[in-house]
Amino acid sequence: MVKIRLSRTGGKNSPYYRIVAVDERRKNNGRSLELLGTYDPRTAPEKLVIKTERVTAWQALGAQLSPSVKSLMRRARRRAPALGAR
């Protein structure tokens, strides 16, 4: 089964995450099927870039979101209308 989850990059005490589609049997930072976005929690405000249309395409194929990615998707969808109103 394909999972959409976070893959940690960055150095010690400076986390940076990639949002990836990966076979659930792979290691946490193993080879991914597709890079779907990035998340940088250390900037103010947090920098979140997600290809929402690609995530929904993967979900249509049966991919499952991890709880953390599900939360980030909710944030991205809330921000999208606000950005379009500018």
PDB file of N, CA and C in Angstrom:
ATOM      1  N   MET A   1       0.841  -1.175   0.000  1.00  0.00           N
ATOM      2  CA  MET A   1       0.000   0.000   0.000  1.00  0.00           C
ATOM      3  C   MET A   1       0.892   1.246   0.000  1.00  0.00           C
ATOM      4  N   VAL A   2       0.425   2.271  -0.659  1.00  0.00           N
ATOM      5  CA  VAL A   2       1.167   3.529  -0.720  1.00  0.00           C
ATOM      6  C   VAL A   2       0.713   4.427   0.418  1.00  0.00           C
ATOM      7  N   LYS A   3       1.679   5.036   1.080  1.00  0.00           N
ATOM      8  CA  LYS A   3       1.408   5.991   2.155  1.00  0.00           C
ATOM      9  C   LYS A   3       1.973   7.338   1.744  1.00  0.00           C
ATOM     10  N   ILE A   4       1.320   8.391   2.158  1.00  0.00           N
ATOM     11  CA  ILE A   4       1.842   9.736   1.981  1.00  0.00           C
ATOM     12  C   ILE A   4       2.254  10.192   3.361  1.00  0.00           C
ATOM     13  N   ARG A   5       3.555  10.409   3.537  1.00  0.00           N
ATOM     14  CA  ARG A   5       4.085  10.711   4.864  1.00  0.00           C
ATOM     15  C   ARG A   5       5.251  11.680   4.772  1.00  0.00           C
ATOM     16  N   LEU A   6       5.758  12.077   5.937  1.00  0.00           N
ATOM     17  CA  LEU A   6       6.892  12.996   6.009  1.00  0.00           C
ATOM     18  C   LEU A   6       8.197  12.221   5.985  1.00  0.00           C
ATOM     19  N   SER A   7       9.178  12.793   5.318  1.00  0.00           N
ATOM     20  CA  SER A   7      10.530  12.255   5.308  1.00  0.00           C
ATOM     21  C   SER A   7      11.434  13.365   5.812  1.00  0.00           C
ATOM     22  N   ARG A   8      12.140  13.118   6.888  1.00  0.00           N
ATOM     23  CA  ARG A   8      12.947  14.164   7.506  1.00  0.00           C
ATOM     24  C   ARG A   8      14.278  14.335   6.792  1.00  0.00           C
ATOM     25  N   THR A   9      14.631  15.581   6.543  1.00  0.00           N
ATOM     26  CA  THR A   9      15.948  15.945   6.049  1.00  0.00           C
ATOM     27  C   THR A   9      16.443  17.065   6.956  1.00  0.00           C
ATOM     28  N   GLY A  10      17.549  17.670   6.633  1.00  0.00           N
ATOM     29  CA  GLY A  10      18.069  18.747   7.472  1.00  0.00           C
ATOM     30  C   GLY A  10      19.028  18.198   8.497  1.00  0.00           C
ATOM     31  N   GLY A  11      19.672  19.077   9.183  1.00  0.00           N
ATOM     32  CA  GLY A  11      20.690  18.674  10.143  1.00  0.00           C
ATOM     33  C   GLY A  11      20.156  18.481  11.538  1.00  0.00           C
ATOM     34  N   LYS A  12      21.084  18.249  12.439  1.00  0.00           N
ATOM     35  CA  LYS A  12      20.736  18.071  13.840  1.00  0.00           C
ATOM     36  C   LYS A  12      20.129  19.366  14.378  1.00  0.00           C
ATOM     37  N   ASN A  13      19.012  19.258  15.042  1.00  0.00           N
ATOM     38  CA  ASN A  13      18.272  20.382  15.615  1.00  0.00           C
ATOM     39  C   ASN A  13      17.769  21.381  14.580  1.00  0.00           C
ATOM     40  N   SER A  14      17.739  21.031  13.319  1.00  0.00           N
ATOM     41  CA  SER A  14      17.138  21.896  12.298  1.00  0.00           C
ATOM     42  C   SER A  14      16.351  21.030  11.306  1.00  0.00           C
ATOM     43  N   PRO A  15      15.182  20.583  11.735  1.00  0.00           N
ATOM     44  CA  PRO A  15      14.407  19.674  10.895  1.00  0.00           C
ATOM     45  C   PRO A  15      13.830  20.369   9.666  1.00  0.00           C
ATOM     46  N   TYR A  16      13.752  19.629   8.596  1.00  0.00           N
ATOM     47  CA  TYR A  16      13.128  20.054   7.358  1.00  0.00           C
ATOM     48  C   TYR A  16      12.497  18.784   6.786  1.00  0.00           C
ATOM     49  N   TYR A  17      11.266  18.871   6.353  1.00  0.00           N
ATOM     50  CA  TYR A  17      10.560  17.666   5.941  1.00  0.00           C
ATOM     51  C   TYR A  17      10.133  17.732   4.486  1.00  0.00           C
ATOM     52  N   ARG A  18      10.156  16.581   3.833  1.00  0.00           N
ATOM     53  CA  ARG A  18       9.585  16.413   2.510  1.00  0.00           C
ATOM     54  C   ARG A  18       8.315  15.594   2.662  1.00  0.00           C
ATOM     55  N   ILE A  19       7.305  15.957   1.915  1.00  0.00           N
ATOM     56  CA  ILE A  19       6.074  15.175   1.901  1.00  0.00           C
ATOM     57  C   ILE A  19       6.176  14.265   0.686  1.00  0.00           C
ATOM     58  N   VAL A  20       6.172  12.953   0.927  1.00  0.00           N
ATOM     59  CA  VAL A  20       6.446  11.991  -0.135  1.00  0.00           C
ATOM     60  C   VAL A  20       5.390  10.897  -0.175  1.00  0.00           C
ATOM     61  N   ALA A  21       5.213  10.334  -1.370  1.00  0.00           N
ATOM     62  CA  ALA A  21       4.415   9.121  -1.555  1.00  0.00           C
ATOM     63  C   ALA A  21       5.420   7.976  -1.582  1.00  0.00           C
ATOM     64  N   VAL A  22       5.207   6.979  -0.725  1.00  0.00           N
ATOM     65  CA  VAL A  22       6.175   5.901  -0.587  1.00  0.00           C
ATOM     66  C   VAL A  22       5.446   4.589  -0.277  1.00  0.00           C
ATOM     67  N   ASP A  23       6.021   3.489  -0.715  1.00  0.00           N
ATOM     68  CA  ASP A  23       5.493   2.176  -0.365  1.00  0.00           C
ATOM     69  C   ASP A  23       5.672   2.017   1.145  1.00  0.00           C
ATOM     70  N   GLU A  24       4.631   1.611   1.856  1.00  0.00           N
ATOM     71  CA  GLU A  24       4.685   1.569   3.318  1.00  0.00           C
ATOM     72  C   GLU A  24       5.727   0.595   3.863  1.00  0.00           C
ATOM     73  N   ARG A  25       6.218  -0.322   3.053  1.00  0.00           N
ATOM     74  CA  ARG A  25       7.213  -1.279   3.527  1.00  0.00           C
ATOM     75  C   ARG A  25       8.630  -0.698   3.524  1.00  0.00           C
ATOM     76  N   ARG A  26       8.810   0.468   2.933  1.00  0.00           N
ATOM     77  CA  ARG A  26      10.122   1.105   2.885  1.00  0.00           C
ATOM     78  C   ARG A  26      10.455   1.771   4.215  1.00  0.00           C
ATOM     79  N   LYS A  27      11.746   2.060   4.414  1.00  0.00           N
ATOM     80  CA  LYS A  27      12.188   2.781   5.605  1.00  0.00           C
ATOM     81  C   LYS A  27      11.645   4.203   5.567  1.00  0.00           C
ATOM     82  N   ASN A  28      11.690   4.877   6.713  1.00  0.00           N
ATOM     83  CA  ASN A  28      11.175   6.245   6.805  1.00  0.00           C
ATOM     84  C   ASN A  28      11.823   7.183   5.805  1.00  0.00           C
ATOM     85  N   ASN A  29      13.110   7.048   5.583  1.00  0.00           N
ATOM     86  CA  ASN A  29      13.792   7.925   4.637  1.00  0.00           C
ATOM     87  C   ASN A  29      14.266   7.149   3.417  1.00  0.00           C
ATOM     88  N   GLY A  30      13.550   6.085   3.069  1.00  0.00           N
ATOM     89  CA  GLY A  30      13.892   5.283   1.906  1.00  0.00           C
ATOM     90  C   GLY A  30      13.459   5.948   0.611  1.00  0.00           C
ATOM     91  N   ARG A  31      13.678   5.259  -0.494  1.00  0.00           N
ATOM     92  CA  ARG A  31      13.348   5.805  -1.807  1.00  0.00           C
ATOM     93  C   ARG A  31      11.843   6.049  -1.921  1.00  0.00           C
ATOM     94  N   SER A  32      11.471   7.227  -2.398  1.00  0.00           N
ATOM     95  CA  SER A  32      10.062   7.578  -2.518  1.00  0.00           C
ATOM     96  C   SER A  32       9.593   7.452  -3.958  1.00  0.00           C
ATOM     97  N   LEU A  33       8.281   7.354  -4.133  1.00  0.00           N
ATOM     98  CA  LEU A  33       7.690   7.280  -5.458  1.00  0.00           C
ATOM     99  C   LEU A  33       7.568   8.667  -6.083  1.00  0.00           C
ATOM    100  N   GLU A  34       7.217   9.667  -5.256  1.00  0.00           N
ATOM    101  CA  GLU A  34       7.048  11.027  -5.746  1.00  0.00           C
ATOM    102  C   GLU A  34       7.179  12.024  -4.603  1.00  0.00           C
ATOM    103  N   LEU A  35       7.810  13.150  -4.880  1.00  0.00           N
ATOM    104  CA  LEU A  35       7.906  14.260  -3.933  1.00  0.00           C
ATOM    105  C   LEU A  35       6.665  15.126  -4.112  1.00  0.00           C
ATOM    106  N   LEU A  36       5.898  15.288  -3.044  1.00  0.00           N
ATOM    107  CA  LEU A  36       4.625  16.006  -3.120  1.00  0.00           C
ATOM    108  C   LEU A  36       4.641  17.364  -2.453  1.00  0.00           C
ATOM    109  N   GLY A  37       5.704  17.695  -1.749  1.00  0.00           N
ATOM    110  CA  GLY A  37       5.772  19.001  -1.114  1.00  0.00           C
ATOM    111  C   GLY A  37       6.866  19.052  -0.079  1.00  0.00           C
ATOM    112  N   THR A  38       6.950  20.202   0.596  1.00  0.00           N
ATOM    113  CA  THR A  38       7.943  20.410   1.648  1.00  0.00           C
ATOM    114  C   THR A  38       7.289  21.111   2.831  1.00  0.00           C
ATOM    115  N   TYR A  39       7.925  20.972   3.981  1.00  0.00           N
ATOM    116  CA  TYR A  39       7.442  21.599   5.210  1.00  0.00           C
ATOM    117  C   TYR A  39       8.641  22.008   6.045  1.00  0.00           C
ATOM    118  N   ASP A  40       8.718  23.303   6.360  1.00  0.00           N
ATOM    119  CA  ASP A  40       9.805  23.837   7.186  1.00  0.00           C
ATOM    120  C   ASP A  40       9.201  24.447   8.445  1.00  0.00           C
ATOM    121  N   PRO A  41       9.238  23.718   9.574  1.00  0.00           N
ATOM    122  CA  PRO A  41       8.611  24.211  10.795  1.00  0.00           C
ATOM    123  C   PRO A  41       9.414  25.283  11.520  1.00  0.00           C
ATOM    124  N   ARG A  42      10.654  25.523  11.118  1.00  0.00           N
ATOM    125  CA  ARG A  42      11.518  26.447  11.859  1.00  0.00           C
ATOM    126  C   ARG A  42      11.382  27.902  11.431  1.00  0.00           C
ATOM    127  N   THR A  43      10.762  28.174  10.300  1.00  0.00           N
ATOM    128  CA  THR A  43      10.586  29.556   9.881  1.00  0.00           C
ATOM    129  C   THR A  43       9.353  30.143  10.552  1.00  0.00           C
ATOM    130  N   ALA A  44       9.293  31.450  10.604  1.00  0.00           N
ATOM    131  CA  ALA A  44       8.119  32.101  11.181  1.00  0.00           C
ATOM    132  C   ALA A  44       7.516  33.015  10.130  1.00  0.00           C
ATOM    133  N   PRO A  45       6.350  32.748   9.606  1.00  0.00           N
ATOM    134  CA  PRO A  45       5.500  31.584   9.841  1.00  0.00           C
ATOM    135  C   PRO A  45       6.043  30.339   9.135  1.00  0.00           C
ATOM    136  N   GLU A  46       5.518  29.195   9.526  1.00  0.00           N
ATOM    137  CA  GLU A  46       5.968  27.926   8.938  1.00  0.00           C
ATOM    138  C   GLU A  46       5.815  27.961   7.421  1.00  0.00           C
ATOM    139  N   LYS A  47       6.792  27.422   6.723  1.00  0.00           N
ATOM    140  CA  LYS A  47       6.722  27.367   5.260  1.00  0.00           C
ATOM    141  C   LYS A  47       6.191  25.996   4.868  1.00  0.00           C
ATOM    142  N   LEU A  48       5.053  25.991   4.201  1.00  0.00           N
ATOM    143  CA  LEU A  48       4.387  24.758   3.800  1.00  0.00           C
ATOM    144  C   LEU A  48       4.030  24.847   2.327  1.00  0.00           C
ATOM    145  N   VAL A  49       4.570  23.934   1.532  1.00  0.00           N
ATOM    146  CA  VAL A  49       4.275  23.868   0.097  1.00  0.00           C
ATOM    147  C   VAL A  49       3.813  22.448  -0.199  1.00  0.00           C
ATOM    148  N   ILE A  50       2.562  22.316  -0.662  1.00  0.00           N
ATOM    149  CA  ILE A  50       2.009  20.990  -0.976  1.00  0.00           C
ATOM    150  C   ILE A  50       1.350  21.047  -2.348  1.00  0.00           C
ATOM    151  N   LYS A  51       1.618  20.034  -3.162  1.00  0.00           N
ATOM    152  CA  LYS A  51       0.936  19.877  -4.445  1.00  0.00           C
ATOM    153  C   LYS A  51      -0.368  19.144  -4.156  1.00  0.00           C
ATOM    154  N   THR A  52      -1.405  19.896  -3.759  1.00  0.00           N
ATOM    155  CA  THR A  52      -2.655  19.283  -3.306  1.00  0.00           C
ATOM    156  C   THR A  52      -3.320  18.445  -4.392  1.00  0.00           C
ATOM    157  N   GLU A  53      -3.213  18.876  -5.656  1.00  0.00           N
ATOM    158  CA  GLU A  53      -3.844  18.090  -6.722  1.00  0.00           C
ATOM    159  C   GLU A  53      -3.156  16.739  -6.895  1.00  0.00           C
ATOM    160  N   ARG A  54      -1.855  16.667  -6.690  1.00  0.00           N
ATOM    161  CA  ARG A  54      -1.132  15.389  -6.772  1.00  0.00           C
ATOM    162  C   ARG A  54      -1.476  14.499  -5.576  1.00  0.00           C
ATOM    163  N   VAL A  55      -1.646  15.104  -4.407  1.00  0.00           N
ATOM    164  CA  VAL A  55      -2.014  14.323  -3.219  1.00  0.00           C
ATOM    165  C   VAL A  55      -3.391  13.703  -3.417  1.00  0.00           C
ATOM    166  N   THR A  56      -4.342  14.480  -3.924  1.00  0.00           N
ATOM    167  CA  THR A  56      -5.676  13.929  -4.157  1.00  0.00           C
ATOM    168  C   THR A  56      -5.649  12.861  -5.255  1.00  0.00           C
ATOM    169  N   ALA A  57      -4.764  13.017  -6.239  1.00  0.00           N
ATOM    170  CA  ALA A  57      -4.628  11.986  -7.276  1.00  0.00           C
ATOM    171  C   ALA A  57      -4.119  10.683  -6.668  1.00  0.00           C
ATOM    172  N   TRP A  58      -3.143  10.771  -5.772  1.00  0.00           N
ATOM    173  CA  TRP A  58      -2.635   9.572  -5.095  1.00  0.00           C
ATOM    174  C   TRP A  58      -3.724   8.958  -4.216  1.00  0.00           C
ATOM    175  N   GLN A  59      -4.513   9.793  -3.544  1.00  0.00           N
ATOM    176  CA  GLN A  59      -5.589   9.269  -2.704  1.00  0.00           C
ATOM    177  C   GLN A  59      -6.621   8.530  -3.552  1.00  0.00           C
ATOM    178  N   ALA A  60      -6.884   9.027  -4.749  1.00  0.00           N
ATOM    179  CA  ALA A  60      -7.835   8.361  -5.645  1.00  0.00           C
ATOM    180  C   ALA A  60      -7.326   6.980  -6.048  1.00  0.00           C
ATOM    181  N   LEU A  61      -6.007   6.810  -6.048  1.00  0.00           N
ATOM    182  CA  LEU A  61      -5.423   5.508  -6.361  1.00  0.00           C
ATOM    183  C   LEU A  61      -5.314   4.602  -5.135  1.00  0.00           C
ATOM    184  N   GLY A  62      -5.746   5.092  -3.970  1.00  0.00           N
ATOM    185  CA  GLY A  62      -5.772   4.267  -2.770  1.00  0.00           C
ATOM    186  C   GLY A  62      -4.708   4.582  -1.735  1.00  0.00           C
ATOM    187  N   ALA A  63      -3.941   5.645  -1.920  1.00  0.00           N
ATOM    188  CA  ALA A  63      -2.907   6.004  -0.948  1.00  0.00           C
ATOM    189  C   ALA A  63      -3.548   6.522   0.341  1.00  0.00           C
ATOM    190  N   GLN A  64      -2.893   6.246   1.461  1.00  0.00           N
ATOM    191  CA  GLN A  64      -3.363   6.682   2.765  1.00  0.00           C
ATOM    192  C   GLN A  64      -2.463   7.793   3.282  1.00  0.00           C
ATOM    193  N   LEU A  65      -3.061   8.815   3.922  1.00  0.00           N
ATOM    194  CA  LEU A  65      -2.290   9.902   4.516  1.00  0.00           C
ATOM    195  C   LEU A  65      -1.886   9.531   5.933  1.00  0.00           C
ATOM    196  N   SER A  66      -0.671   9.897   6.321  1.00  0.00           N
ATOM    197  CA  SER A  66      -0.277   9.739   7.715  1.00  0.00           C
ATOM    198  C   SER A  66      -0.998  10.829   8.512  1.00  0.00           C
ATOM    199  N   PRO A  67      -1.140  10.667   9.833  1.00  0.00           N
ATOM    200  CA  PRO A  67      -1.824  11.691  10.631  1.00  0.00           C
ATOM    201  C   PRO A  67      -1.180  13.078  10.523  1.00  0.00           C
ATOM    202  N   SER A  68       0.143  13.137  10.469  1.00  0.00           N
ATOM    203  CA  SER A  68       0.804  14.440  10.381  1.00  0.00           C
ATOM    204  C   SER A  68       0.564  15.102   9.026  1.00  0.00           C
ATOM    205  N   VAL A  69       0.564  14.329   7.962  1.00  0.00           N
ATOM    206  CA  VAL A  69       0.304  14.898   6.633  1.00  0.00           C
ATOM    207  C   VAL A  69      -1.160  15.305   6.521  1.00  0.00           C
ATOM    208  N   LYS A  70      -2.048  14.547   7.129  1.00  0.00           N
ATOM    209  CA  LYS A  70      -3.468  14.899   7.123  1.00  0.00           C
ATOM    210  C   LYS A  70      -3.671  16.265   7.778  1.00  0.00           C
ATOM    211  N   SER A  71      -2.968  16.507   8.881  1.00  0.00           N
ATOM    212  CA  SER A  71      -3.039  17.791   9.564  1.00  0.00           C
ATOM    213  C   SER A  71      -2.474  18.915   8.697  1.00  0.00           C
ATOM    214  N   LEU A  72      -1.352  18.659   8.032  1.00  0.00           N
ATOM    215  CA  LEU A  72      -0.757  19.664   7.155  1.00  0.00           C
ATOM    216  C   LEU A  72      -1.659  19.965   5.960  1.00  0.00           C
ATOM    217  N   MET A  73      -2.342  18.964   5.446  1.00  0.00           N
ATOM    218  CA  MET A  73      -3.268  19.175   4.326  1.00  0.00           C
ATOM    219  C   MET A  73      -4.419  20.081   4.745  1.00  0.00           C
ATOM    220  N   ARG A  74      -4.926  19.888   5.962  1.00  0.00           N
ATOM    221  CA  ARG A  74      -5.986  20.762   6.460  1.00  0.00           C
ATOM    222  C   ARG A  74      -5.511  22.210   6.515  1.00  0.00           C
ATOM    223  N   ARG A  75      -4.276  22.413   7.001  1.00  0.00           N
ATOM    224  CA  ARG A  75      -3.708  23.770   7.056  1.00  0.00           C
ATOM    225  C   ARG A  75      -3.575  24.362   5.662  1.00  0.00           C
ATOM    226  N   ALA A  76      -3.097  23.573   4.716  1.00  0.00           N
ATOM    227  CA  ALA A  76      -2.899  24.056   3.343  1.00  0.00           C
ATOM    228  C   ALA A  76      -4.232  24.434   2.708  1.00  0.00           C
ATOM    229  N   ARG A  77      -5.266  23.649   2.946  1.00  0.00           N
ATOM    230  CA  ARG A  77      -6.577  23.946   2.366  1.00  0.00           C
ATOM    231  C   ARG A  77      -7.200  25.188   2.993  1.00  0.00           C
ATOM    232  N   ARG A  78      -6.926  25.422   4.285  1.00  0.00           N
ATOM    233  CA  ARG A  78      -7.428  26.633   4.935  1.00  0.00           C
ATOM    234  C   ARG A  78      -6.729  27.870   4.396  1.00  0.00           C
ATOM    235  N   ARG A  79      -5.435  27.770   4.109  1.00  0.00           N
ATOM    236  CA  ARG A  79      -4.674  28.917   3.610  1.00  0.00           C
ATOM    237  C   ARG A  79      -4.974  29.220   2.150  1.00  0.00           C
ATOM    238  N   ALA A  80      -5.306  28.223   1.357  1.00  0.00           N
ATOM    239  CA  ALA A  80      -5.511  28.408  -0.083  1.00  0.00           C
ATOM    240  C   ALA A  80      -6.578  29.451  -0.412  1.00  0.00           C
ATOM    241  N   PRO A  81      -7.774  29.423   0.199  1.00  0.00           N
ATOM    242  CA  PRO A  81      -8.752  30.468  -0.104  1.00  0.00           C
ATOM    243  C   PRO A  81      -8.266  31.853   0.316  1.00  0.00           C
ATOM    244  N   ALA A  82      -7.542  31.937   1.422  1.00  0.00           N
ATOM    245  CA  ALA A  82      -7.035  33.223   1.881  1.00  0.00           C
ATOM    246  C   ALA A  82      -6.021  33.794   0.904  1.00  0.00           C
ATOM    247  N   LEU A  83      -5.186  32.937   0.326  1.00  0.00           N
ATOM    248  CA  LEU A  83      -4.198  33.400  -0.644  1.00  0.00           C
ATOM    249  C   LEU A  83      -4.857  33.830  -1.953  1.00  0.00           C
ATOM    250  N   GLY A  84      -5.936  33.167  -2.338  1.00  0.00           N
ATOM    251  CA  GLY A  84      -6.630  33.504  -3.569  1.00  0.00           C
ATOM    252  C   GLY A  84      -7.386  34.819  -3.476  1.00  0.00           C
ATOM    253  N   ALA A  85      -7.748  35.240  -2.259  1.00  0.00           N
ATOM    254  CA  ALA A  85      -8.517  36.460  -2.055  1.00  0.00           C
ATOM    255  C   ALA A  85      -7.662  37.719  -2.200  1.00  0.00           C
ATOM    256  N   ARG A  86      -6.352  37.579  -2.137  1.00  0.00           N
ATOM    257  CA  ARG A  86      -5.470  38.763  -2.200  1.00  0.00           C
ATOM    258  C   ARG A  86      -5.472  39.407  -3.534  1.00  0.00           C
TER     259      ARG A  86
END
